[in-house]
Every structure is written in structure tokens, then in C-alpha cells.
Protein backbone atom coordinates (compact mmCIF):
# COMPACT_ATOMS: atom_id res chain seq x y z
CA MET A 1 6.42 -46.98 19.01
CA THR A 2 3.36 -47.40 16.80
CA ASP A 3 2.26 -44.71 14.34
CA GLU A 4 -0.73 -43.88 16.52
CA LYS A 5 1.52 -43.33 19.54
CA LYS A 6 3.88 -41.19 17.45
CA LEU A 7 0.97 -39.04 16.31
CA ALA A 8 -0.33 -38.77 19.85
CA GLN A 9 3.09 -37.60 21.09
CA LEU A 10 3.45 -35.08 18.24
CA ARG A 11 0.00 -33.67 19.00
CA THR A 12 0.92 -33.40 22.68
CA ASP A 13 4.08 -31.48 21.68
CA ILE A 14 2.00 -29.18 19.47
CA ASP A 15 -0.45 -28.52 22.31
CA GLY A 16 2.47 -27.59 24.55
CA LEU A 17 3.89 -25.18 21.99
CA ASP A 18 0.46 -23.65 21.42
CA ALA A 19 0.19 -22.97 25.15
CA GLN A 20 3.62 -21.30 25.07
CA LEU A 21 2.61 -19.19 22.07
CA ILE A 22 -0.53 -18.00 23.87
CA ASP A 23 1.53 -17.06 26.94
CA LEU A 24 4.11 -15.22 24.83
CA ILE A 25 1.52 -13.32 22.79
CA SER A 26 -0.27 -12.34 25.99
CA ALA A 27 3.04 -11.15 27.48
CA ARG A 28 3.65 -9.05 24.36
CA ALA A 29 0.16 -7.57 24.66
CA ARG A 30 0.78 -6.60 28.27
CA LEU A 31 4.00 -4.86 27.24
CA ALA A 32 2.06 -2.96 24.57
CA GLN A 33 -0.36 -1.81 27.26
CA ALA A 34 2.59 -0.69 29.38
CA VAL A 35 3.99 1.28 26.44
CA ALA A 36 0.61 2.97 26.03
CA GLY A 37 0.61 3.88 29.72
CA VAL A 38 4.05 5.53 29.43
CA LYS A 39 3.01 7.46 26.32
CA ARG A 40 -0.21 8.73 27.89
CA ALA A 41 1.71 9.93 30.95
CA THR A 42 3.81 12.33 28.88
CA PRO A 43 2.56 15.92 28.36
CA GLU A 44 3.12 15.78 24.57
CA PRO A 45 0.43 14.33 22.27
CA SER A 46 0.97 10.57 22.02
CA VAL A 47 1.69 8.79 18.71
CA PHE A 48 0.77 5.12 18.99
CA TYR A 49 1.69 4.00 15.47
CA ARG A 50 5.40 4.18 14.64
CA PRO A 51 5.96 3.00 11.05
CA GLU A 52 9.75 2.91 11.41
CA ARG A 53 9.54 0.72 14.54
CA GLU A 54 7.22 -1.81 12.88
CA ALA A 55 9.41 -1.84 9.75
CA GLN A 56 12.47 -2.64 11.86
CA ILE A 57 10.65 -5.54 13.55
CA LEU A 58 9.47 -6.99 10.24
CA LYS A 59 12.93 -6.63 8.71
CA LYS A 60 14.28 -8.99 11.37
CA VAL A 61 11.91 -11.71 10.19
CA GLY A 62 13.94 -12.19 7.02
CA VAL A 63 17.12 -12.65 9.08
CA GLN A 64 15.73 -14.78 11.88
CA ASN A 65 13.30 -17.05 10.01
CA GLN A 66 14.81 -20.48 9.40
CA GLY A 67 11.69 -22.10 7.88
CA PRO A 68 9.87 -24.25 7.07
CA LEU A 69 7.27 -21.45 6.83
CA PRO A 70 8.12 -18.86 4.13
CA THR A 71 9.38 -15.52 5.39
CA GLU A 72 6.35 -13.78 3.87
CA THR A 73 4.03 -16.00 5.90
CA MET A 74 5.98 -15.35 9.10
CA ALA A 75 5.86 -11.61 8.44
CA HIS A 76 2.09 -11.81 7.93
CA LEU A 77 1.62 -13.62 11.26
CA LEU A 78 3.81 -11.13 13.11
CA ARG A 79 2.04 -8.21 11.46
CA GLU A 80 -1.32 -9.45 12.76
CA ILE A 81 0.10 -9.84 16.27
CA MET A 82 1.46 -6.28 16.12
CA SER A 83 -1.92 -5.06 14.82
CA ALA A 84 -3.80 -6.68 17.70
CA CYS A 85 -1.32 -5.34 20.28
CA ARG A 86 -1.41 -1.85 18.72
CA ALA A 87 -5.20 -1.85 19.02
CA LEU A 88 -4.77 -2.17 22.80
CA GLU A 89 -2.90 1.13 22.69
CA GLN A 90 -5.16 2.86 20.16
CA ALA A 91 -7.68 1.56 17.63
CA LEU A 92 -6.66 3.11 14.31
CA ASN A 93 -9.19 4.40 11.79
CA ILE A 94 -7.82 4.02 8.27
CA ALA A 95 -9.39 5.76 5.27
CA TYR A 96 -8.96 4.09 1.90
CA LEU A 97 -10.11 4.34 -1.70
CA GLY A 98 -13.15 2.08 -1.82
CA PRO A 99 -15.55 0.53 -2.20
CA GLU A 100 -15.12 -2.60 -0.11
CA GLY A 101 -13.31 -5.36 -2.01
CA THR A 102 -10.79 -3.14 -3.81
CA PHE A 103 -7.06 -3.81 -3.97
CA THR A 104 -6.59 -0.68 -1.86
CA GLN A 105 -8.48 -2.40 0.96
CA SER A 106 -6.15 -5.38 0.58
CA ALA A 107 -3.19 -2.99 0.84
CA VAL A 108 -4.65 -1.52 4.05
CA LEU A 109 -4.93 -4.97 5.63
CA LYS A 110 -1.48 -6.01 4.45
CA HIS A 111 0.11 -2.93 6.02
CA PHE A 112 -1.94 -2.42 9.20
CA GLY A 113 -3.37 -5.89 9.87
CA HIS A 114 -7.00 -6.63 10.64
CA SER A 115 -7.24 -5.03 14.11
CA ILE A 116 -8.26 -1.63 12.73
CA HIS A 117 -11.37 0.18 11.62
CA ALA A 118 -11.19 0.70 7.85
CA THR A 119 -13.45 3.27 6.18
CA ALA A 120 -14.02 3.23 2.40
CA PHE A 121 -14.32 6.49 0.45
CA GLY A 122 -15.41 6.97 -3.14
CA THR A 123 -12.59 9.25 -4.30
CA ILE A 124 -8.94 9.94 -3.58
CA ASP A 125 -9.87 13.51 -2.57
CA GLU A 126 -12.17 12.18 0.15
CA VAL A 127 -9.41 9.98 1.57
CA PHE A 128 -7.12 13.00 1.84
CA ARG A 129 -9.85 15.10 3.46
CA ALA A 130 -10.70 12.36 6.00
CA VAL A 131 -7.10 12.37 7.27
CA GLU A 132 -6.66 16.14 7.06
CA SER A 133 -9.80 16.67 9.15
CA GLY A 134 -8.70 14.15 11.77
CA ASN A 135 -11.67 11.84 11.18
CA SER A 136 -9.18 9.13 10.14
CA HIS A 137 -5.71 8.57 11.56
CA TYR A 138 -4.19 7.51 8.25
CA GLY A 139 -5.17 7.09 4.62
CA VAL A 140 -4.12 4.65 1.90
CA VAL A 141 -4.27 5.50 -1.82
CA PRO A 142 -2.75 3.98 -4.97
CA VAL A 143 0.12 5.92 -6.56
CA GLU A 144 1.51 3.76 -9.39
CA ASN A 145 1.24 0.44 -11.18
CA SER A 146 4.21 -1.41 -12.63
CA THR A 147 2.57 -1.77 -16.07
CA GLU A 148 0.17 1.19 -16.33
CA GLY A 149 2.19 3.93 -14.64
CA VAL A 150 1.26 6.60 -12.10
CA VAL A 151 -2.08 7.59 -10.63
CA ASN A 152 -2.05 11.26 -11.58
CA HIS A 153 -4.83 12.24 -9.18
CA THR A 154 -2.76 11.06 -6.21
CA LEU A 155 0.24 13.10 -7.38
CA ASP A 156 -1.92 16.20 -7.81
CA MET A 157 -3.36 15.81 -4.31
CA LEU A 158 0.12 15.37 -2.81
CA HIS A 159 1.15 18.64 -4.44
CA HIS A 160 -1.49 20.65 -2.57
CA SER A 161 -2.14 18.65 0.62
CA SER A 162 -0.48 19.16 3.99
CA LEU A 163 -0.36 15.40 4.61
CA ILE A 164 2.93 13.52 4.88
CA ILE A 165 3.79 10.18 3.28
CA CYS A 166 4.59 7.86 6.18
CA GLY A 167 4.64 4.47 4.48
CA GLU A 168 4.28 2.51 1.27
CA VAL A 169 2.75 -0.85 0.39
CA GLU A 170 3.55 -2.96 -2.65
CA LEU A 171 0.81 -5.42 -3.61
CA ARG A 172 1.06 -8.08 -6.31
CA ILE A 173 -2.09 -7.68 -8.37
CA HIS A 174 -3.99 -10.76 -9.54
CA HIS A 175 -7.08 -10.20 -11.65
CA HIS A 176 -9.86 -12.78 -11.89
CA LEU A 177 -12.83 -13.07 -14.24
CA LEU A 178 -15.95 -13.18 -12.03
CA SER A 179 -19.58 -13.73 -12.98
CA LYS A 180 -22.98 -15.10 -11.98
CA ASP A 181 -22.76 -17.16 -15.18
CA GLU A 182 -20.88 -20.43 -15.09
CA SER A 183 -19.37 -20.32 -18.58
CA PHE A 184 -17.47 -17.96 -20.89
CA ALA A 185 -19.88 -18.78 -23.72
CA THR A 186 -22.75 -16.75 -22.28
CA LEU A 187 -20.79 -13.58 -21.48
CA LYS A 188 -21.63 -10.43 -23.42
CA VAL A 189 -20.09 -7.63 -21.31
CA VAL A 190 -17.00 -7.26 -19.09
CA TYR A 191 -16.87 -4.50 -16.47
CA ALA A 192 -13.66 -3.32 -14.76
CA HIS A 193 -11.62 -0.28 -13.86
CA GLN A 194 -9.90 1.11 -16.95
CA GLN A 195 -6.47 0.07 -15.64
CA ALA A 196 -7.65 -3.51 -15.07
CA LEU A 197 -9.03 -3.64 -18.61
CA ALA A 198 -5.65 -2.46 -19.89
CA GLN A 199 -3.75 -4.93 -17.70
CA CYS A 200 -5.84 -7.84 -19.05
CA ARG A 201 -6.09 -6.68 -22.68
CA ALA A 202 -4.26 -9.60 -24.28
CA TRP A 203 -6.23 -12.20 -22.30
CA LEU A 204 -9.53 -10.56 -23.22
CA ASP A 205 -8.54 -10.32 -26.89
CA THR A 206 -7.81 -14.06 -26.89
CA HIS A 207 -10.65 -15.47 -24.78
CA LEU A 208 -13.49 -12.90 -24.98
CA PRO A 209 -12.98 -10.93 -28.20
CA GLN A 210 -16.74 -10.59 -28.73
CA ALA A 211 -17.51 -9.15 -25.27
CA GLU A 212 -18.07 -5.42 -24.82
CA ARG A 213 -15.67 -3.82 -22.32
CA ILE A 214 -17.02 -1.11 -20.02
CA ALA A 215 -14.84 0.91 -17.64
CA VAL A 216 -16.22 1.74 -14.18
CA GLY A 217 -14.86 3.49 -11.09
CA SER A 218 -13.35 0.41 -9.45
CA ASN A 219 -13.08 -3.34 -9.86
CA ALA A 220 -15.20 -3.79 -6.74
CA GLU A 221 -17.93 -1.73 -8.37
CA ALA A 222 -17.61 -3.98 -11.43
CA ALA A 223 -18.12 -7.03 -9.21
CA ARG A 224 -21.22 -5.45 -7.67
CA ILE A 225 -22.67 -4.81 -11.13
CA ALA A 226 -21.89 -8.37 -12.22
CA SER A 227 -23.67 -9.74 -9.17
CA ASN A 228 -26.92 -8.13 -10.35
CA LYS A 229 -26.82 -8.97 -14.08
CA ASP A 230 -26.82 -12.08 -16.23
CA HIS A 231 -24.29 -12.64 -19.02
CA VAL A 232 -21.98 -10.06 -17.44
CA ALA A 233 -18.49 -10.54 -15.98
CA ALA A 234 -16.21 -8.41 -13.85
CA ILE A 235 -12.45 -8.26 -13.57
CA ALA A 236 -11.73 -8.02 -9.86
CA SER A 237 -9.98 -9.52 -6.85
CA SER A 238 -10.83 -12.78 -5.16
CA ALA A 239 -12.00 -10.73 -2.16
CA ALA A 240 -14.55 -8.93 -4.35
CA GLY A 241 -15.66 -12.26 -5.80
CA ALA A 242 -16.26 -13.65 -2.32
CA LEU A 243 -18.02 -10.48 -1.19
CA TYR A 244 -20.52 -10.62 -4.08
CA GLN A 245 -20.69 -14.44 -4.30
CA LEU A 246 -19.52 -14.70 -7.91
CA HIS A 247 -18.11 -17.68 -9.78
CA ASN A 248 -14.39 -17.42 -10.52
CA LEU A 249 -14.33 -18.35 -14.22
CA ALA A 250 -10.62 -17.65 -14.75
CA ARG A 251 -7.81 -16.85 -12.34
CA ASN A 252 -4.78 -14.56 -12.77
CA ILE A 253 -5.78 -13.19 -16.18
CA GLU A 254 -3.38 -10.22 -15.99
CA ASP A 255 -1.03 -10.03 -18.99
CA HIS A 256 2.08 -9.57 -16.83
CA THR A 257 2.68 -11.97 -13.95
CA ASP A 258 4.74 -9.40 -12.02
CA ASN A 259 1.92 -6.83 -12.13
CA THR A 260 2.34 -4.80 -8.91
CA THR A 261 0.66 -1.70 -7.54
CA ARG A 262 2.29 0.66 -5.07
CA PHE A 263 0.18 2.39 -2.44
CA LEU A 264 1.04 5.30 -0.14
CA VAL A 265 0.18 5.62 3.54
CA LEU A 266 -0.71 9.21 4.41
CA GLY A 267 -0.66 10.84 7.84
CA LYS A 268 0.33 13.93 9.78
CA GLU A 269 3.38 12.68 11.68
CA SER A 270 6.89 12.47 10.25
CA CYS A 271 8.68 9.12 10.43
CA ARG A 272 12.01 8.66 12.13
CA ILE A 273 14.91 6.83 10.49
CA SER A 274 14.28 3.09 10.14
CA GLY A 275 17.54 2.20 8.39
CA ASN A 276 15.86 1.26 5.09
CA ASP A 277 14.04 4.38 3.99
CA LYS A 278 12.78 6.26 0.99
CA THR A 279 12.13 10.00 0.59
CA SER A 280 9.61 11.64 -1.75
CA LEU A 281 9.65 15.28 -2.82
CA ILE A 282 8.27 17.67 -5.38
CA PHE A 283 10.01 20.66 -6.98
CA SER A 284 9.94 22.93 -10.01
CA ALA A 285 12.94 24.15 -11.97
CA PRO A 286 13.63 27.71 -13.12
CA ASN A 287 13.27 28.30 -16.85
CA LYS A 288 17.00 28.24 -17.62
CA PRO A 289 19.06 26.00 -19.91
CA GLY A 290 20.30 22.95 -18.02
CA ALA A 291 18.43 23.84 -14.82
CA LEU A 292 16.86 20.41 -14.33
CA HIS A 293 20.13 18.63 -15.11
CA LYS A 294 21.95 20.76 -12.58
CA MET A 295 19.32 20.20 -9.91
CA LEU A 296 19.25 16.42 -10.32
CA GLY A 297 23.03 16.51 -10.12
CA CYS A 298 22.66 17.36 -6.42
CA PHE A 299 21.74 13.73 -5.80
CA ALA A 300 24.63 12.22 -7.77
CA ALA A 301 27.12 14.63 -6.18
CA ASN A 302 26.12 13.41 -2.72
CA GLY A 303 25.86 9.71 -3.56
CA VAL A 304 22.06 9.64 -3.32
CA SER A 305 20.23 7.25 -5.63
CA MET A 306 17.08 8.50 -7.38
CA THR A 307 14.52 5.72 -7.91
CA ARG A 308 11.72 7.57 -9.71
CA ILE A 309 10.91 10.87 -11.42
CA GLU A 310 7.57 11.99 -12.83
CA SER A 311 6.51 15.32 -14.31
CA ARG A 312 3.07 16.92 -13.98
CA PRO A 313 1.65 20.24 -15.20
CA SER A 314 1.98 22.82 -12.43
CA ARG A 315 -1.41 24.40 -13.30
CA ARG A 316 0.16 27.80 -12.71
CA GLU A 317 0.73 28.61 -16.37
CA MET A 318 0.94 26.83 -19.72
CA TRP A 319 3.85 24.42 -20.23
CA ASP A 320 5.07 24.82 -16.67
CA TYR A 321 5.85 21.56 -14.86
CA VAL A 322 6.62 20.19 -11.42
CA PHE A 323 8.68 17.07 -10.79
CA PHE A 324 7.88 14.27 -8.36
CA VAL A 325 11.01 12.41 -7.24
CA ASP A 326 11.69 9.39 -5.02
CA ILE A 327 15.19 8.88 -3.63
CA GLU A 328 16.79 6.28 -1.39
CA GLY A 329 17.46 7.25 2.22
CA HIS A 330 15.86 9.40 4.91
CA ALA A 331 15.77 13.20 4.86
CA ASP A 332 17.76 13.18 8.13
CA ASP A 333 20.55 11.03 6.66
CA ALA A 334 23.56 13.33 6.19
CA PRO A 335 24.03 12.79 2.39
CA VAL A 336 20.30 13.14 1.71
CA LYS A 337 20.02 16.20 3.93
CA LYS A 338 22.87 17.90 2.06
CA ALA A 339 21.47 17.00 -1.37
CA LEU A 340 18.01 18.32 -0.49
CA ALA A 341 19.44 21.58 0.89
CA GLU A 342 21.40 22.14 -2.35
CA LEU A 343 18.38 21.34 -4.51
CA GLU A 344 16.05 23.60 -2.52
CA LYS A 345 18.39 26.58 -3.07
CA GLN A 346 18.08 26.14 -6.83
CA ALA A 347 14.37 25.27 -7.03
CA GLU A 348 11.58 27.73 -7.75
CA MET A 349 9.30 25.55 -5.62
CA PHE A 350 10.32 22.76 -3.25
CA LYS A 351 8.21 20.52 -1.00
CA LEU A 352 9.29 17.49 1.00
CA LEU A 353 6.45 14.95 0.84
CA GLY A 354 7.89 12.61 3.46
CA SER A 355 10.55 10.11 4.47
CA TYR A 356 9.26 6.65 5.29
CA PRO A 357 10.27 2.96 5.52
CA ARG A 358 10.56 1.17 2.19
CA ALA A 359 7.90 -1.44 1.51
CA VAL A 360 8.69 -4.70 3.31
CA LEU A 361 7.28 -8.21 3.09
């Protein structure tokens, strides 16, 4: 068989598989419509987005994928199929910390797929209010960065809001130097969010020591400014660069290659057990010697692993603090349930922020 005939046969095989894929995706969509019909027939209010169910489906990708496509790519494709099918049940409105082109928007699309309506808000408070009021189904906000630490405003809002954490997204952060100019030599000012400036400090010290650094509200805002000024650069995402049609003068200028930001998905509905969960809570300790040590001992005594603890001023009185804690497991898991019950008895204030699937691919 000649090479041309081999190619022709391979293309025929691909066409056949494409037809099968279309049929299978359509069959999945029809099942999603049937699920929606069953949910709408029940007297209780219907919940069309089940984070634990989607997490379980995506977890199987890592087991079932045999290549040659990377597991992350397969998960992305399946996520988009789930997003499109979910939209047949209910089109979700997702609030996020904007403006358009931010990493938070990228986190929204990574978690929910593109078959949603995403609404940008200028502050974290506004994202919370959009979900609390019911104008948005869910909200996405940043909570911590692997090199720069926590976003205190998000923690403060969690303390006082009625919203529940129902998911998390981990996003590898790549910063790029974007400008209308086509060369480093002409740059006089660099705009970026203060965390981005900190995350790229060593690169800037080496390559642009003479440039003034100005902090703004977001990297997307920095890109917008750079699109309107000469001799100005922004540190922002590739999405922001494309949005504002800027030259990418340098890629991946972050000082740490594993720079990752964690985002929280906020909603009103509690998540069921997915089998790979995390629980977040907040509490305050009585002013007694060893109180905090004793309270944290509730986790160790029940075999529950604590993955993070942060303290914040309670704002009730001077030098009074509350503690934000993440633990492994779901609040309905027997060991976690027992540990939380013991801790709540000892705490002056206790609030469960939510149990949710751990971040997946």
C-alpha cells in the first residue's frame, strides 16, 4: 500500500471515530436532559450542579486514560463536555473577581468549562454579595498563593458570610511581560497587581532595574493601562495580552516555576461526600493556657490530617484571634465528624465553612 493510500485509510478511520464521538456526546446530552426532567419533577428545589459528582467523574480519567493524550488534556476535554451537557439542564451564572482577563476568570473556566455565563466584579465583597443575593449561582475568589500567602480579604468575608465553600481550583500561575512597545529598552514603567510584582521581583531586578513599578487592582487592569500608553509594560496572563492586543516581550517571568494560586468556589448548597474531600472551618480559642494546643489535638486524636492553619484578628477586641483551618476528609466522615464535635465543645466560636472535593486535574 502506498503512503497516500495509507493516509487515506487513516483519515477514513478518523472520520468514522469522529462520527462515533458525535453520537456518543449527543447520547450523553440526551441523558443530561433526562436527568433534568427527573429533577424538575420532584417537589424539592432542584440542584443541577453537583460538585462531588463531577469530581468523581474526573477522578476516573486518571485511572482510565491510557494515552497518548496527557491525563490533564483528557480531563479538560471531559470537563467541557460536562459543561455543555450541564447547560442543557441549567445555564449557570458564575460571579468572579474581575476584570476580564484575570487569573480568577481562568480558574472559573477551568472549573466550570466554557458553557456558562461568567460575570466579572470589581471586588471580592461584590462576588460574595452576587451569590448571597441569588443573582449568581456560584462565585469564585482567590484565597491563597503558594509564594505570597493568603488573601486576607477572602478569609474575612468567609468569617461573616452565610455562603458555603463547595469547591476549590488550583491554577499554575504564569506571568508574562506585555506591552505595546516591541523592546525592553524603551520601557519606563511596569504595572501589575502587588502580588504579581512580588512574584516577579527577581526577574524585574535583573532585566528592568530602571523601570518604575506601580501596583494596581489587578493584572488585567495593568494590561488595559499598558494598551493605552507607550513605554509601559504590564505583568499579566496570556489571556489578558490577547484581550488587549499586546506584544508578549517575555514569558513565564515568575521567580518560582511552581507558583500556584488556590481559588474557592462559593455557593449555598452543601456538597455530599465525593471520596476525596477537604473541609474548611473557622474557630476561636478561649483565653486559657494550652487551649489552642488542646483543640488542635482533636484532629490528631481522631486520625484527621490538618493541611492548613491561618490566624486573623477577630475584630471583636484587641489581640483576639480566629483560626482558619483546612483538614482532609468530609464533615460527614465518621472521624472528621467526631473531631469537629469535640472541637466545637471547646471553642468560643465555631463555624463550618464547607466540605468539598479536593482540587482535581
